[in-house]
Amino acid sequence: MPTLFMVLGALGIGGILGYAAASFVKTATRVVAIIVGFIFIVIQVLAYYGIIEVHWDAMQSLMPSASTAAKSGFSALWKILVFNLPFTGGFGAGFWYGWKH
C-alpha cells in the first residue's frame, strides 16, 4: 500500500496543495456542521419551552433540495480551487486522497 508521502511525491506540488486544501475543507465543514447543529438545538429548546414558534414547513419551502445545493456549492468551490492551475490533475488526485483519508 502506498504511503502518503509516496503518493504526494508522485503527484508533485499539485498533490500536496490538493491534500492541504481537502484537509482544510473537511475541517471547515465539520466546524460549520457543529455551529449549525448547536443553533438547531437552541431553536428546538426555545420552541419546546414556548419562547418561540418555528414554522419548519415554511422554512423547508424556501430552501432548495439538499442535493441541488450540495452539487452547486461543490461545483463552485471546485472552479475556484482549480482556477489557473497548470497542475489540475495532481491537485485533483491530492484533493481526493486528502478527502478520503
Protein backbone atom coordinates (compact mmCIF):
# COMPACT_ATOMS: atom_id res chain seq x y z
CA MET A 1 0.00 0.00 0.00
CA PRO A 2 1.47 3.36 -0.95
CA THR A 3 2.18 5.77 1.83
CA LEU A 4 1.01 9.36 1.88
CA PHE A 5 4.46 10.69 1.01
CA MET A 6 4.86 8.30 -1.93
CA VAL A 7 1.50 9.35 -3.37
CA LEU A 8 2.05 13.07 -2.83
CA GLY A 9 5.64 12.85 -4.11
CA ALA A 10 4.42 11.28 -7.32
CA LEU A 11 1.79 13.96 -7.73
CA GLY A 12 4.15 16.86 -7.03
CA ILE A 13 3.16 20.29 -5.78
CA GLY A 14 -0.39 19.89 -7.09
CA GLY A 15 -0.89 16.80 -4.98
CA ILE A 16 0.46 18.46 -1.87
CA LEU A 17 -1.71 21.53 -2.37
CA GLY A 18 -4.76 19.38 -3.14
CA TYR A 19 -4.23 17.34 0.02
CA ALA A 20 -3.88 20.53 2.09
CA ALA A 21 -7.00 22.06 0.53
CA ALA A 22 -9.02 18.90 1.21
CA SER A 23 -7.85 18.84 4.82
CA PHE A 24 -8.96 22.44 5.25
CA VAL A 25 -12.34 21.86 3.57
CA LYS A 26 -13.01 18.78 5.74
CA THR A 27 -12.18 20.68 8.91
CA ALA A 28 -14.16 23.76 7.90
CA THR A 29 -17.26 21.71 7.04
CA ARG A 30 -17.07 19.97 10.42
CA VAL A 31 -16.89 23.32 12.20
CA VAL A 32 -19.85 24.64 10.21
CA ALA A 33 -21.83 21.46 10.97
CA ILE A 34 -21.14 21.88 14.70
CA ILE A 35 -22.30 25.50 14.62
CA VAL A 36 -25.45 24.70 12.62
CA GLY A 37 -26.22 21.77 14.93
CA PHE A 38 -25.81 23.97 18.00
CA ILE A 39 -28.11 26.63 16.57
CA PHE A 40 -30.72 23.98 15.72
CA ILE A 41 -30.63 22.61 19.27
CA VAL A 42 -31.03 26.10 20.75
CA ILE A 43 -34.00 26.79 18.47
CA GLN A 44 -35.62 23.48 19.42
CA VAL A 45 -35.13 24.12 23.14
CA LEU A 46 -36.66 27.59 22.81
CA ALA A 47 -39.59 26.13 20.85
CA TYR A 48 -40.07 23.37 23.41
CA TYR A 49 -40.42 25.89 26.23
CA GLY A 50 -42.81 28.05 24.18
CA ILE A 51 -40.45 31.01 23.87
CA ILE A 52 -40.52 30.92 20.07
CA GLU A 53 -42.65 29.26 17.41
CA VAL A 54 -40.90 27.79 14.38
CA HIS A 55 -42.71 27.07 11.11
CA TRP A 56 -40.42 24.37 9.69
CA ASP A 57 -42.75 23.72 6.75
CA ALA A 58 -42.42 27.36 5.63
CA MET A 59 -38.64 27.22 6.01
CA GLN A 60 -38.46 24.00 4.02
CA SER A 61 -40.37 25.54 1.12
CA LEU A 62 -37.83 28.38 0.95
CA MET A 63 -34.80 26.10 0.74
CA PRO A 64 -33.61 24.22 -2.35
CA SER A 65 -33.20 20.48 -2.06
CA ALA A 66 -30.07 19.36 -0.25
CA SER A 67 -28.66 17.53 -3.26
CA THR A 68 -29.09 20.55 -5.53
CA ALA A 69 -27.43 22.85 -3.00
CA ALA A 70 -24.54 20.43 -2.44
CA LYS A 71 -23.90 19.95 -6.17
CA SER A 72 -23.91 23.65 -6.96
CA GLY A 73 -21.82 24.51 -3.89
CA PHE A 74 -19.15 21.90 -4.63
CA SER A 75 -19.09 22.82 -8.31
CA ALA A 76 -18.49 26.49 -7.49
CA LEU A 77 -15.81 25.60 -4.91
CA TRP A 78 -14.02 23.32 -7.37
CA LYS A 79 -13.99 26.03 -10.09
CA ILE A 80 -12.42 28.45 -7.63
CA LEU A 81 -9.82 25.96 -6.34
CA VAL A 82 -8.53 24.95 -9.78
CA PHE A 83 -8.68 28.38 -11.42
CA ASN A 84 -5.48 28.94 -13.47
CA LEU A 85 -3.76 25.84 -12.05
CA PRO A 86 -1.44 24.17 -14.55
CA PHE A 87 -1.38 21.02 -12.38
CA THR A 88 -5.12 20.35 -12.01
CA GLY A 89 -4.70 16.57 -12.33
CA GLY A 90 -2.25 16.34 -9.46
CA PHE A 91 -4.34 18.76 -7.42
CA GLY A 92 -7.47 16.69 -8.02
CA ALA A 93 -5.76 13.45 -7.05
CA GLY A 94 -4.27 15.04 -3.92
CA PHE A 95 -7.64 16.55 -3.02
CA TRP A 96 -9.34 13.18 -3.43
CA TYR A 97 -6.68 11.44 -1.32
CA GLY A 98 -6.93 14.11 1.39
CA TRP A 99 -10.73 13.91 1.45
CA LYS A 100 -10.72 10.11 1.77
CA HIS A 101 -8.02 9.92 4.47
